[in-house]
Amino acid sequence: MTTMAAERLAREAAQQPFDPAARALGMDWNTQLDGTQVQRWSEALGNAVVATRIGELAAQAQGILPDAPLNPPSLLVIGMDGGRVQGRQKDEKSQSRWREDKVASFTSYLPGDGGETPPRPLVTTYVATMGNATEFGPMVELEARRRGQAQAEVVLNISDGGNWIDPVAAKHKLADVRIIDFHHASEHLDAVAKAVHGRDSSQAPILWEHLRGLLYEGKVQQVITEIKAESQRLGPPAASDGPEHPRRVLQQNQGYFEKHKEHMQYDVYRKKGWPIGSGNTEAGVKGFNKRVKGTDQFWNIPGVESIPALRAMWMSQDQRWERYWANRPSLGRCRAA
């Protein structure tokens, strides 16, 4: 298989399921292909990307670090989140087919002026894996270094409050400042408002807007005070209360805002010209989900790692896809075009 053919096949597999990819390639190459062939070849190509990554991680562990960018960013934003992949086999512990893939985005920014000029995103790159948080952390550290983490004036971690995110960020010293994504914090306030007034109440959106306005202005302690007052009014959760019972929702969200209040100084962040949302990370998760999450897609979990590796390279905006294939030799063992 020529390098051009291999790149074309990998590009199709990175963007769509194997059967439609096979149809597109067959039409272009005037040959008959099926999804199984495309899957086998694209997984081999993706595994080569994974092998390169493994080598880079091994070098990093020995203190051999990637070159810093020629133009390091003044502001680098790292975000981490999880998506969903459906396996062919159920997990022995959870008895669920659904597994989490982990995604990180890295975006360079021009900071805003703290007023009318908002921060402007420049270049975003991604890494993703089916591995656990322990395996994911070194990957995030490697990409952060590649994107100029050590040279940036400020590095932010803007993510939701997922329980694995802060341990990874702390262990690998990823950022100078931790920010809870404002959109996710606002979703918690929506749950609070519905717990107070009822899901279908016309008062719930009014309370949500009030609390969200306080949060946007950095008045997180006032938000906590108001949630606490409503929680005390309803009383502590009973043992029989489910996770969506208003008493439990209020208690859990009081704890959530108390835990993260130091990461919700949104008025300060905005004055510094920093972003307060993790839109690039959410876009990345959606991008990976679009390829691997479909309800009609079932994966052999050990084999799926190759596809996120290809898709991360394809979605990254720094031309790494083009550079990778420009330096690949022809692949003589495959016969496709």
Protein backbone atom coordinates (compact mmCIF):
# COMPACT_ATOMS: atom_id res chain seq x y z
CA MET A 1 0.00 0.00 0.00
CA THR A 2 1.41 3.40 -0.92
CA THR A 3 1.72 6.09 1.72
CA MET A 4 -0.96 8.08 -0.08
CA ALA A 5 -3.35 5.13 0.00
CA ALA A 6 -2.58 4.46 3.66
CA GLU A 7 -3.27 8.09 4.54
CA ARG A 8 -6.56 8.01 2.63
CA LEU A 9 -7.65 4.82 4.38
CA ALA A 10 -6.67 6.14 7.82
CA ARG A 11 -8.49 9.42 7.11
CA GLU A 12 -11.73 7.63 6.26
CA ALA A 13 -11.46 5.36 9.32
CA ALA A 14 -10.78 8.35 11.57
CA GLN A 15 -13.97 10.05 10.38
CA GLN A 16 -16.64 7.38 9.91
CA PRO A 17 -17.54 3.73 10.65
CA PHE A 18 -15.73 1.04 8.71
CA ASP A 19 -18.56 -0.03 6.37
CA PRO A 20 -19.23 3.43 4.87
CA ALA A 21 -15.46 4.02 4.82
CA ALA A 22 -15.06 0.83 2.78
CA ARG A 23 -17.77 1.96 0.36
CA ALA A 24 -16.13 5.38 -0.13
CA LEU A 25 -12.69 3.86 -0.66
CA GLY A 26 -14.05 1.20 -3.01
CA MET A 27 -15.68 3.86 -5.18
CA ASP A 28 -12.52 5.96 -5.28
CA TRP A 29 -10.22 3.03 -5.98
CA ASN A 30 -12.57 1.13 -8.28
CA THR A 31 -12.31 -2.03 -6.20
CA GLN A 32 -14.38 -4.11 -3.79
CA LEU A 33 -13.69 -3.58 -0.10
CA ASP A 34 -15.62 -4.52 3.00
CA GLY A 35 -15.70 -3.01 6.46
CA THR A 36 -13.71 -5.84 8.00
CA GLN A 37 -10.80 -5.21 5.64
CA VAL A 38 -10.84 -1.49 6.34
CA GLN A 39 -11.03 -2.12 10.08
CA ARG A 40 -8.07 -4.48 10.00
CA TRP A 41 -5.90 -2.14 7.96
CA SER A 42 -6.89 1.05 9.80
CA GLU A 43 -6.31 -0.57 13.19
CA ALA A 44 -2.82 -1.55 12.00
CA LEU A 45 -2.18 2.04 10.94
CA GLY A 46 -3.58 3.37 14.21
CA ASN A 47 -1.49 0.91 16.19
CA ALA A 48 1.60 2.37 14.55
CA VAL A 49 0.56 5.78 15.91
CA VAL A 50 0.03 4.22 19.35
CA ALA A 51 3.47 2.57 19.15
CA THR A 52 5.06 5.94 18.41
CA ARG A 53 3.24 7.42 21.40
CA ILE A 54 4.44 4.58 23.65
CA GLY A 55 8.01 5.30 22.58
CA GLU A 56 7.61 9.01 23.34
CA LEU A 57 6.15 8.23 26.76
CA ALA A 58 9.05 5.92 27.53
CA ALA A 59 11.48 8.66 26.55
CA GLN A 60 9.62 11.16 28.74
CA ALA A 61 9.90 8.78 31.70
CA GLN A 62 13.68 8.83 31.16
CA GLY A 63 13.77 12.63 31.05
CA ILE A 64 13.92 12.97 27.27
CA LEU A 65 11.34 15.67 26.56
CA PRO A 66 9.78 16.87 23.30
CA ASP A 67 11.04 20.04 21.70
CA ALA A 68 9.29 23.21 22.80
CA PRO A 69 7.35 25.09 20.10
CA LEU A 70 9.12 27.90 18.28
CA ASN A 71 6.32 30.30 19.23
CA PRO A 72 5.15 29.31 22.73
CA PRO A 73 1.70 30.55 23.74
CA SER A 74 1.21 33.30 26.29
CA LEU A 75 -1.87 31.43 27.52
CA LEU A 76 -2.36 27.67 27.29
CA VAL A 77 -5.63 26.04 28.36
CA ILE A 78 -5.82 22.33 29.12
CA GLY A 79 -9.16 20.58 29.53
CA MET A 80 -9.96 16.96 30.39
CA ASP A 81 -13.19 15.00 30.17
CA GLY A 82 -14.58 11.55 29.44
CA GLY A 83 -16.67 10.16 26.59
CA ARG A 84 -18.44 6.85 26.03
CA VAL A 85 -17.59 3.71 24.07
CA GLN A 86 -19.75 0.58 23.85
CA GLY A 87 -17.85 -2.70 24.15
CA ARG A 88 -18.84 -6.07 22.74
CA GLN A 89 -18.49 -7.66 26.16
CA LYS A 90 -19.98 -6.48 29.45
CA ASP A 91 -17.61 -5.28 32.15
CA GLU A 92 -17.37 -7.91 34.87
CA LYS A 93 -17.82 -5.39 37.70
CA SER A 94 -20.43 -3.00 36.32
CA GLN A 95 -22.18 -5.46 33.98
CA SER A 96 -22.36 -2.61 31.47
CA ARG A 97 -21.09 -2.53 27.91
CA TRP A 98 -20.29 1.17 28.18
CA ARG A 99 -16.72 2.21 28.97
CA GLU A 100 -15.18 5.65 29.31
CA ASP A 101 -12.65 7.04 26.92
CA LYS A 102 -10.60 9.95 28.20
CA VAL A 103 -10.01 13.08 26.12
CA ALA A 104 -7.81 16.12 26.70
CA SER A 105 -7.72 19.33 24.70
CA PHE A 106 -4.85 21.83 24.56
CA THR A 107 -5.67 25.30 23.24
CA SER A 108 -3.39 28.29 22.85
CA TYR A 109 -5.11 31.66 23.39
CA LEU A 110 -4.59 35.34 22.91
CA PRO A 111 -5.84 36.69 26.25
CA GLY A 112 -8.62 39.25 26.23
CA ASP A 113 -8.36 42.74 27.68
CA GLY A 114 -10.72 42.08 30.58
CA GLY A 115 -13.39 44.16 28.91
CA GLU A 116 -14.92 44.16 25.44
CA THR A 117 -12.24 42.04 23.78
CA PRO A 118 -12.69 38.37 24.75
CA PRO A 119 -9.89 35.79 24.79
CA ARG A 120 -9.32 34.35 21.31
CA PRO A 121 -8.55 30.65 20.78
CA LEU A 122 -5.77 29.94 18.30
CA VAL A 123 -4.76 26.28 17.91
CA THR A 124 -6.27 23.21 19.58
CA THR A 125 -4.78 19.73 19.73
CA TYR A 126 -6.11 16.55 21.33
CA VAL A 127 -5.06 13.30 22.93
CA ALA A 128 -7.39 10.41 23.77
CA THR A 129 -7.21 6.90 25.14
CA MET A 130 -9.29 4.02 26.42
CA GLY A 131 -6.77 3.70 29.26
CA ASN A 132 -7.41 4.64 32.87
CA ALA A 133 -6.43 7.88 34.58
CA THR A 134 -3.03 6.52 35.58
CA GLU A 135 -2.25 5.77 31.93
CA PHE A 136 -3.80 9.00 30.70
CA GLY A 137 -1.80 11.35 32.93
CA PRO A 138 1.60 10.90 31.23
CA MET A 139 -0.07 11.36 27.83
CA VAL A 140 -1.54 14.70 28.94
CA GLU A 141 1.81 15.74 30.42
CA LEU A 142 3.61 14.89 27.17
CA GLU A 143 1.21 16.87 25.00
CA ALA A 144 1.27 19.81 27.42
CA ARG A 145 5.04 19.95 27.09
CA ARG A 146 4.81 19.66 23.33
CA ARG A 147 2.41 22.63 23.29
CA GLY A 148 4.76 24.86 25.29
CA GLN A 149 3.56 24.40 28.85
CA ALA A 150 6.96 25.28 30.31
CA GLN A 151 7.28 28.44 28.21
CA ALA A 152 3.70 29.75 28.51
CA GLU A 153 3.09 32.73 30.77
CA VAL A 154 -0.01 31.07 32.24
CA VAL A 155 -1.42 27.54 31.99
CA LEU A 156 -5.06 26.95 32.97
CA ASN A 157 -6.87 23.69 33.63
CA ILE A 158 -10.51 24.33 32.71
CA SER A 159 -12.47 21.13 33.24
CA ASP A 160 -15.55 19.90 35.04
CA GLY A 161 -15.37 18.41 38.53
CA GLY A 162 -14.83 14.80 37.46
CA ASN A 163 -13.28 12.85 40.33
CA TRP A 164 -10.22 11.71 38.33
CA ILE A 165 -9.34 15.09 36.82
CA ASP A 166 -7.80 16.93 39.78
CA PRO A 167 -5.61 13.99 40.87
CA VAL A 168 -4.20 13.72 37.33
CA ALA A 169 -3.61 17.47 37.11
CA ALA A 170 -1.92 17.58 40.51
CA LYS A 171 0.30 14.53 39.95
CA HIS A 172 1.59 15.82 36.62
CA LYS A 173 1.69 19.52 37.57
CA LEU A 174 -0.31 20.45 34.51
CA ALA A 175 -1.51 23.97 35.26
CA ASP A 176 -0.95 27.14 37.25
CA VAL A 177 -4.65 27.73 37.88
CA ARG A 178 -7.59 25.33 38.15
CA ILE A 179 -10.95 26.60 36.88
CA ILE A 180 -14.24 24.72 37.02
CA ASP A 181 -15.91 25.05 33.64
CA PHE A 182 -18.64 27.67 34.02
CA HIS A 183 -21.11 25.76 31.87
CA HIS A 184 -20.87 22.64 34.06
CA ALA A 185 -21.18 24.71 37.24
CA SER A 186 -24.29 26.34 35.74
CA GLU A 187 -25.78 22.90 35.10
CA HIS A 188 -25.41 22.16 38.80
CA LEU A 189 -27.34 25.36 39.54
CA ASP A 190 -30.08 24.23 37.16
CA ALA A 191 -30.40 21.03 39.21
CA VAL A 192 -30.56 23.13 42.39
CA ALA A 193 -33.32 25.36 41.02
CA LYS A 194 -35.40 22.35 39.96
CA ALA A 195 -34.88 20.71 43.35
CA VAL A 196 -36.15 23.84 45.10
CA HIS A 197 -39.19 24.59 42.91
CA GLY A 198 -39.87 21.38 40.95
CA ARG A 199 -38.76 20.41 37.46
CA ASP A 200 -41.81 21.91 35.72
CA SER A 201 -42.17 25.04 37.84
CA SER A 202 -41.96 28.42 36.14
CA GLN A 203 -39.99 29.62 39.18
CA ALA A 204 -37.12 27.23 38.56
CA PRO A 205 -35.66 29.14 35.56
CA ILE A 206 -35.93 32.40 37.50
CA LEU A 207 -33.95 30.98 40.43
CA TRP A 208 -31.43 29.46 38.02
CA GLU A 209 -30.82 32.82 36.33
CA HIS A 210 -30.40 34.48 39.73
CA LEU A 211 -27.87 31.93 41.00
CA ARG A 212 -26.07 31.83 37.66
CA GLY A 213 -25.70 35.62 37.72
CA LEU A 214 -24.19 35.46 41.19
CA LEU A 215 -21.78 32.77 40.08
CA TYR A 216 -20.74 34.70 36.96
CA GLU A 217 -19.85 37.66 39.18
CA GLY A 218 -17.71 35.41 41.38
CA LYS A 219 -20.11 35.51 44.34
CA VAL A 220 -19.81 31.79 44.93
CA GLN A 221 -20.06 32.12 48.72
CA GLN A 222 -23.47 33.74 48.33
CA VAL A 223 -24.49 30.88 46.03
CA ILE A 224 -23.40 28.39 48.72
CA THR A 225 -25.30 30.33 51.39
CA GLU A 226 -28.53 30.25 49.39
CA ILE A 227 -28.20 26.54 48.56
CA LYS A 228 -27.48 25.80 52.22
CA ALA A 229 -30.58 27.73 53.33
CA GLU A 230 -32.78 25.73 50.94
CA SER A 231 -31.15 22.49 52.04
CA GLN A 232 -31.81 23.28 55.70
CA ARG A 233 -35.42 24.17 54.86
CA LEU A 234 -35.99 20.71 53.34
CA GLY A 235 -33.91 18.88 55.92
CA PRO A 236 -31.24 16.20 55.53
CA PRO A 237 -31.77 13.37 53.04
CA ALA A 238 -33.51 10.27 54.30
CA ALA A 239 -31.96 6.87 53.76
CA SER A 240 -34.71 6.09 51.26
CA ASP A 241 -34.12 9.24 49.17
CA GLY A 242 -32.82 8.43 45.69
CA PRO A 243 -30.11 10.44 43.90
CA GLU A 244 -32.68 12.75 42.27
CA HIS A 245 -34.62 13.52 45.45
CA PRO A 246 -34.55 17.30 46.12
CA ARG A 247 -33.00 16.87 49.58
CA ARG A 248 -30.14 14.82 48.20
CA VAL A 249 -29.64 17.09 45.19
CA LEU A 250 -29.32 20.15 47.44
CA GLN A 251 -26.96 18.46 49.87
CA GLN A 252 -24.69 17.17 47.10
CA ASN A 253 -24.58 20.50 45.30
CA GLN A 254 -23.82 22.39 48.48
CA GLY A 255 -20.82 20.10 48.85
CA TYR A 256 -19.87 20.54 45.19
CA PHE A 257 -19.73 24.34 45.39
CA GLU A 258 -17.96 24.30 48.77
CA LYS A 259 -15.32 21.92 47.38
CA HIS A 260 -14.66 23.97 44.25
CA LYS A 261 -15.31 27.55 45.40
CA GLU A 262 -11.62 28.44 45.02
CA HIS A 263 -11.89 27.36 41.38
CA MET A 264 -14.92 29.54 40.62
CA GLN A 265 -13.57 33.09 40.83
CA TYR A 266 -15.07 33.91 37.47
CA ASP A 267 -14.98 37.68 37.94
CA VAL A 268 -11.23 37.52 38.55
CA TYR A 269 -10.63 35.23 35.58
CA ARG A 270 -12.61 37.47 33.23
CA LYS A 271 -10.73 40.57 34.37
CA LYS A 272 -7.49 38.79 33.49
CA GLY A 273 -8.79 38.11 29.99
CA TRP A 274 -9.01 34.35 30.51
CA PRO A 275 -11.70 32.01 29.20
CA ILE A 276 -14.00 30.42 31.80
CA GLY A 277 -15.45 27.61 29.69
CA SER A 278 -14.14 24.31 28.37
CA GLY A 279 -15.89 24.47 25.02
CA ASN A 280 -12.90 23.06 23.15
CA THR A 281 -12.82 20.03 25.43
CA GLU A 282 -16.55 19.44 25.04
CA ALA A 283 -16.20 19.80 21.28
CA GLY A 284 -13.40 17.26 21.41
CA VAL A 285 -15.45 14.74 23.39
CA LYS A 286 -18.33 15.18 20.95
CA GLY A 287 -15.91 14.70 18.08
CA PHE A 288 -14.62 11.43 19.50
CA ASN A 289 -18.13 10.28 20.44
CA LYS A 290 -19.26 10.94 16.89
CA ARG A 291 -16.77 8.34 15.69
CA VAL A 292 -16.89 5.66 18.41
CA LYS A 293 -20.10 6.07 20.44
CA GLY A 294 -22.91 5.18 18.02
CA THR A 295 -25.44 2.77 19.52
CA ASP A 296 -24.82 0.42 16.58
CA GLN A 297 -21.06 0.41 17.15
CA PHE A 298 -19.63 -2.32 19.38
CA TRP A 299 -15.90 -2.44 19.99
CA ASN A 300 -13.36 -4.94 21.17
CA ILE A 301 -11.97 -2.65 23.85
CA PRO A 302 -8.29 -3.66 23.44
CA GLY A 303 -8.55 -2.97 19.70
CA VAL A 304 -10.36 0.37 19.84
CA GLU A 305 -7.29 2.30 21.08
CA SER A 306 -6.02 2.67 17.53
CA ILE A 307 -9.05 4.64 16.34
CA PRO A 308 -8.97 7.41 18.99
CA ALA A 309 -5.25 7.72 18.26
CA LEU A 310 -5.97 8.35 14.58
CA ARG A 311 -8.90 10.64 15.32
CA ALA A 312 -6.90 12.72 17.81
CA MET A 313 -4.23 13.26 15.17
CA TRP A 314 -6.86 14.10 12.54
CA MET A 315 -8.75 16.57 14.78
CA SER A 316 -5.64 18.41 15.96
CA GLN A 317 -5.15 21.78 14.28
CA ASP A 318 -1.35 21.96 14.15
CA GLN A 319 -0.91 19.98 10.91
CA ARG A 320 0.46 16.94 12.73
CA TRP A 321 -1.62 14.71 10.48
CA GLU A 322 0.09 16.10 7.38
CA ARG A 323 3.55 15.93 8.98
CA TYR A 324 3.02 12.34 10.11
CA TRP A 325 2.08 11.05 6.67
CA ALA A 326 4.71 13.12 4.91
CA ASN A 327 7.32 11.12 6.80
CA ARG A 328 5.78 7.65 6.41
CA PRO A 329 7.33 5.11 4.04
CA SER A 330 5.24 2.95 1.73
CA LEU A 331 3.62 -0.03 3.43
CA GLY A 332 4.53 -3.02 1.31
CA ARG A 333 2.61 -5.68 3.24
CA CYS A 334 -0.86 -4.29 2.53
CA ARG A 335 -2.63 -4.49 -0.82
CA ALA A 336 -5.46 -2.01 -1.20
CA ALA A 337 -4.65 0.43 -3.98
